[in-house]
Amino acid sequence: MQVPKKQRKYCPFCKKHTEHTIEEAKRRARRQDTKSQRRFLRKLKGYGSFPKENPKGREKPTRKLDFRYKCSVCGKRHSIGKGFRIKKLEFQKE
């Protein structure tokens, strides 16, 4: 899917339509301090293999993308919705 690098979008901070540059949000590592993650790591420790069967062949063929829109007037970033699934992303050259 080809996406233009600049789009006119509504800025919730300026409260008007302005030119926005689009960038893809970077993926972050999982939080290590949540209760479920601590339980999972404790289960992994000293076990030698995965604690439950690893789901192979059931992964989704696409990844979910999240766009960040940066306003050219105020410089603030915002996102719209929860993202969408796409196989290949390509930004159009201007």
N, C-alpha and C. Protein backbone atom coordinates (compact mmCIF):
# COMPACT_ATOMS: atom_id res chain seq x y z
N MET A 1 0.84 -1.17 0.00
CA MET A 1 0.00 0.00 0.00
C MET A 1 0.89 1.24 0.00
N GLN A 2 0.61 2.16 -0.88
CA GLN A 2 1.38 3.40 -0.95
C GLN A 2 0.62 4.50 -0.22
N VAL A 3 1.34 5.21 0.64
CA VAL A 3 0.75 6.27 1.44
C VAL A 3 1.55 7.54 1.20
N PRO A 4 0.89 8.68 0.96
CA PRO A 4 1.63 9.93 0.82
C PRO A 4 2.25 10.34 2.16
N LYS A 5 3.46 10.90 2.08
CA LYS A 5 4.19 11.28 3.29
C LYS A 5 3.54 12.47 4.00
N LYS A 6 2.87 13.35 3.25
CA LYS A 6 2.18 14.50 3.84
C LYS A 6 0.71 14.46 3.47
N GLN A 7 -0.15 14.73 4.45
CA GLN A 7 -1.59 14.74 4.24
C GLN A 7 -2.19 15.91 5.03
N ARG A 8 -3.33 16.39 4.54
CA ARG A 8 -4.06 17.39 5.31
C ARG A 8 -5.03 16.66 6.23
N LYS A 9 -4.84 16.83 7.53
CA LYS A 9 -5.65 16.15 8.54
C LYS A 9 -6.14 17.18 9.56
N TYR A 10 -7.11 16.77 10.35
CA TYR A 10 -7.60 17.61 11.44
C TYR A 10 -6.66 17.47 12.63
N CYS A 11 -6.18 18.59 13.15
CA CYS A 11 -5.31 18.60 14.32
C CYS A 11 -6.17 18.90 15.55
N PRO A 12 -6.24 17.96 16.52
CA PRO A 12 -7.06 18.20 17.71
C PRO A 12 -6.49 19.28 18.63
N PHE A 13 -5.23 19.64 18.44
CA PHE A 13 -4.61 20.66 19.29
C PHE A 13 -4.84 22.06 18.70
N CYS A 14 -4.68 22.19 17.36
CA CYS A 14 -4.94 23.48 16.70
C CYS A 14 -6.44 23.69 16.46
N LYS A 15 -7.19 22.57 16.45
CA LYS A 15 -8.63 22.57 16.17
C LYS A 15 -8.95 23.07 14.76
N LYS A 16 -8.11 22.68 13.81
CA LYS A 16 -8.36 22.99 12.40
C LYS A 16 -7.57 22.02 11.53
N HIS A 17 -7.88 22.01 10.24
CA HIS A 17 -7.18 21.14 9.30
C HIS A 17 -5.84 21.77 8.93
N THR A 18 -4.77 20.99 9.09
CA THR A 18 -3.43 21.46 8.75
C THR A 18 -2.68 20.35 8.02
N GLU A 19 -1.53 20.67 7.51
CA GLU A 19 -0.67 19.68 6.84
C GLU A 19 0.04 18.84 7.91
N HIS A 20 -0.02 17.52 7.74
CA HIS A 20 0.61 16.60 8.69
C HIS A 20 1.61 15.71 7.96
N THR A 21 2.72 15.42 8.63
CA THR A 21 3.64 14.41 8.11
C THR A 21 3.35 13.10 8.84
N ILE A 22 3.46 12.01 8.12
CA ILE A 22 3.09 10.70 8.68
C ILE A 22 4.36 9.91 8.97
N GLU A 23 4.38 9.28 10.13
CA GLU A 23 5.47 8.37 10.45
C GLU A 23 4.89 7.13 11.12
N GLU A 24 5.58 6.04 10.96
CA GLU A 24 5.14 4.77 11.53
C GLU A 24 5.62 4.68 12.97
N ALA A 25 4.74 4.32 13.89
CA ALA A 25 5.13 4.22 15.30
C ALA A 25 6.04 3.01 15.48
N LYS A 26 7.09 3.18 16.28
CA LYS A 26 8.05 2.11 16.49
C LYS A 26 7.51 1.12 17.50
N ARG A 27 7.87 -0.12 17.32
CA ARG A 27 7.45 -1.16 18.26
C ARG A 27 8.36 -1.12 19.48
N ARG A 28 7.75 -1.28 20.65
CA ARG A 28 8.50 -1.27 21.90
C ARG A 28 8.55 -2.66 22.49
N ALA A 29 9.51 -2.86 23.37
CA ALA A 29 9.61 -4.15 24.06
C ALA A 29 8.48 -4.27 25.07
N ARG A 30 8.14 -5.51 25.41
CA ARG A 30 7.09 -5.73 26.40
C ARG A 30 7.52 -5.26 27.77
N ARG A 31 6.56 -4.85 28.55
CA ARG A 31 6.85 -4.44 29.92
C ARG A 31 7.20 -5.66 30.75
N GLN A 32 8.28 -5.59 31.50
CA GLN A 32 8.73 -6.73 32.28
C GLN A 32 8.15 -6.75 33.69
N ASP A 33 7.48 -5.67 34.10
CA ASP A 33 7.04 -5.58 35.48
C ASP A 33 5.56 -5.87 35.68
N THR A 34 4.86 -6.32 34.64
CA THR A 34 3.46 -6.67 34.84
C THR A 34 3.36 -8.02 35.53
N LYS A 35 2.25 -8.23 36.20
CA LYS A 35 2.05 -9.47 36.96
C LYS A 35 2.12 -10.71 36.05
N SER A 36 1.46 -10.63 34.91
CA SER A 36 1.43 -11.78 34.01
C SER A 36 2.81 -12.05 33.41
N GLN A 37 3.58 -11.00 33.09
CA GLN A 37 4.91 -11.18 32.52
C GLN A 37 5.87 -11.75 33.57
N ARG A 38 5.74 -11.32 34.83
CA ARG A 38 6.58 -11.87 35.90
C ARG A 38 6.27 -13.35 36.12
N ARG A 39 4.98 -13.69 36.04
CA ARG A 39 4.57 -15.09 36.19
C ARG A 39 5.13 -15.94 35.06
N PHE A 40 5.06 -15.40 33.85
CA PHE A 40 5.56 -16.09 32.66
C PHE A 40 7.07 -16.30 32.75
N LEU A 41 7.82 -15.27 33.15
CA LEU A 41 9.28 -15.39 33.26
C LEU A 41 9.68 -16.36 34.37
N ARG A 42 8.90 -16.36 35.48
CA ARG A 42 9.18 -17.30 36.56
C ARG A 42 8.95 -18.74 36.10
N LYS A 43 7.94 -18.92 35.26
CA LYS A 43 7.64 -20.25 34.73
C LYS A 43 8.73 -20.70 33.75
N LEU A 44 9.28 -19.76 33.00
CA LEU A 44 10.34 -20.08 32.04
C LEU A 44 11.65 -20.43 32.74
N LYS A 45 11.90 -19.83 33.91
CA LYS A 45 13.18 -19.98 34.58
C LYS A 45 13.39 -21.44 35.02
N GLY A 46 14.48 -22.03 34.58
CA GLY A 46 14.84 -23.38 35.01
C GLY A 46 14.01 -24.47 34.35
N TYR A 47 13.18 -24.14 33.40
CA TYR A 47 12.31 -25.15 32.81
C TYR A 47 12.97 -25.80 31.60
N GLY A 48 13.64 -25.02 30.77
CA GLY A 48 14.35 -25.61 29.63
C GLY A 48 13.61 -25.48 28.33
N SER A 49 12.30 -25.36 28.38
CA SER A 49 11.55 -25.20 27.14
C SER A 49 10.34 -24.31 27.42
N PHE A 50 9.52 -24.17 26.41
CA PHE A 50 8.37 -23.28 26.54
C PHE A 50 7.35 -23.89 27.50
N PRO A 51 6.75 -23.11 28.40
CA PRO A 51 5.84 -23.67 29.40
C PRO A 51 4.54 -24.22 28.83
N LYS A 52 4.09 -23.66 27.74
CA LYS A 52 2.92 -24.23 27.08
C LYS A 52 3.24 -24.39 25.61
N GLU A 53 2.48 -25.19 24.91
CA GLU A 53 2.81 -25.46 23.51
C GLU A 53 2.81 -24.16 22.70
N ASN A 54 3.80 -24.05 21.87
CA ASN A 54 3.99 -22.84 21.08
C ASN A 54 3.04 -22.89 19.89
N PRO A 55 2.19 -21.88 19.70
CA PRO A 55 1.24 -21.93 18.58
C PRO A 55 1.93 -21.66 17.26
N LYS A 56 2.19 -22.72 16.51
CA LYS A 56 2.85 -22.57 15.22
C LYS A 56 1.81 -22.63 14.11
N GLY A 57 2.00 -21.83 13.09
CA GLY A 57 1.10 -21.85 11.94
C GLY A 57 -0.17 -21.06 12.14
N ARG A 58 -0.33 -20.45 13.32
CA ARG A 58 -1.55 -19.70 13.57
C ARG A 58 -1.30 -18.20 13.60
N GLU A 59 -0.06 -17.77 13.32
CA GLU A 59 0.22 -16.35 13.36
C GLU A 59 -0.45 -15.65 12.19
N LYS A 60 -0.70 -14.39 12.36
CA LYS A 60 -1.40 -13.64 11.32
C LYS A 60 -0.44 -13.28 10.20
N PRO A 61 -0.92 -13.24 8.96
CA PRO A 61 -0.03 -12.97 7.83
C PRO A 61 0.38 -11.50 7.72
N THR A 62 -0.28 -10.63 8.46
CA THR A 62 0.04 -9.21 8.39
C THR A 62 0.33 -8.69 9.79
N ARG A 63 0.94 -7.52 9.86
CA ARG A 63 1.17 -6.88 11.15
C ARG A 63 0.33 -5.62 11.23
N LYS A 64 0.05 -5.22 12.44
CA LYS A 64 -0.82 -4.06 12.64
C LYS A 64 0.04 -2.81 12.71
N LEU A 65 -0.29 -1.82 11.88
CA LEU A 65 0.46 -0.58 11.84
C LEU A 65 -0.27 0.52 12.58
N ASP A 66 0.52 1.40 13.16
CA ASP A 66 -0.03 2.55 13.86
C ASP A 66 0.67 3.79 13.32
N PHE A 67 -0.07 4.70 12.73
CA PHE A 67 0.50 5.92 12.17
C PHE A 67 0.48 7.03 13.21
N ARG A 68 1.54 7.82 13.23
CA ARG A 68 1.59 9.03 14.03
C ARG A 68 1.58 10.21 13.06
N TYR A 69 0.66 11.11 13.28
CA TYR A 69 0.53 12.29 12.43
C TYR A 69 1.12 13.48 13.18
N LYS A 70 2.11 14.17 12.57
CA LYS A 70 2.75 15.32 13.19
C LYS A 70 2.29 16.58 12.49
N CYS A 71 1.72 17.48 13.27
CA CYS A 71 1.19 18.73 12.73
C CYS A 71 2.36 19.65 12.37
N SER A 72 2.27 20.28 11.20
CA SER A 72 3.34 21.18 10.77
C SER A 72 3.23 22.55 11.42
N VAL A 73 2.06 22.87 12.02
CA VAL A 73 1.87 24.17 12.65
C VAL A 73 2.33 24.14 14.11
N CYS A 74 1.73 23.24 14.91
CA CYS A 74 2.06 23.20 16.33
C CYS A 74 3.15 22.18 16.66
N GLY A 75 3.40 21.22 15.77
CA GLY A 75 4.46 20.23 15.98
C GLY A 75 4.09 19.08 16.88
N LYS A 76 2.82 18.99 17.29
CA LYS A 76 2.39 17.90 18.16
C LYS A 76 1.98 16.70 17.32
N ARG A 77 2.12 15.49 17.94
CA ARG A 77 1.79 14.25 17.26
C ARG A 77 0.50 13.67 17.83
N HIS A 78 -0.26 13.00 16.97
CA HIS A 78 -1.44 12.28 17.44
C HIS A 78 -1.67 11.10 16.49
N SER A 79 -2.43 10.14 16.97
CA SER A 79 -2.76 8.99 16.14
C SER A 79 -4.27 8.93 15.99
N ILE A 80 -4.71 8.18 14.99
CA ILE A 80 -6.14 8.05 14.72
C ILE A 80 -6.50 6.57 14.77
N GLY A 81 -7.41 6.21 15.64
CA GLY A 81 -7.87 4.84 15.73
C GLY A 81 -6.85 3.92 16.38
N LYS A 82 -7.04 2.62 16.17
CA LYS A 82 -6.17 1.60 16.79
C LYS A 82 -5.17 1.03 15.80
N GLY A 83 -5.09 1.57 14.60
CA GLY A 83 -4.19 1.01 13.60
C GLY A 83 -4.94 0.05 12.69
N PHE A 84 -4.25 -0.44 11.69
CA PHE A 84 -4.88 -1.36 10.74
C PHE A 84 -3.85 -2.34 10.22
N ARG A 85 -4.32 -3.46 9.71
CA ARG A 85 -3.43 -4.51 9.23
C ARG A 85 -3.04 -4.26 7.78
N ILE A 86 -1.76 -4.45 7.50
CA ILE A 86 -1.26 -4.23 6.15
C ILE A 86 0.00 -5.08 5.97
N LYS A 87 0.17 -5.65 4.79
CA LYS A 87 1.35 -6.49 4.54
C LYS A 87 2.58 -5.65 4.27
N LYS A 88 2.46 -4.69 3.36
CA LYS A 88 3.63 -3.92 2.95
C LYS A 88 3.27 -2.44 2.91
N LEU A 89 4.12 -1.62 3.50
CA LEU A 89 3.88 -0.18 3.54
C LEU A 89 4.98 0.53 2.77
N GLU A 90 4.58 1.51 1.98
CA GLU A 90 5.54 2.28 1.19
C GLU A 90 5.08 3.73 1.18
N PHE A 91 5.97 4.63 1.58
CA PHE A 91 5.65 6.05 1.56
C PHE A 91 5.98 6.60 0.17
N GLN A 92 5.04 7.36 -0.40
CA GLN A 92 5.25 7.94 -1.72
C GLN A 92 6.24 9.08 -1.65
N LYS A 93 7.06 9.18 -2.67
CA LYS A 93 8.00 10.31 -2.76
C LYS A 93 7.26 11.50 -3.34
N GLU A 94 7.61 12.67 -2.89
CA GLU A 94 6.91 13.88 -3.34
C GLU A 94 7.50 14.43 -4.63
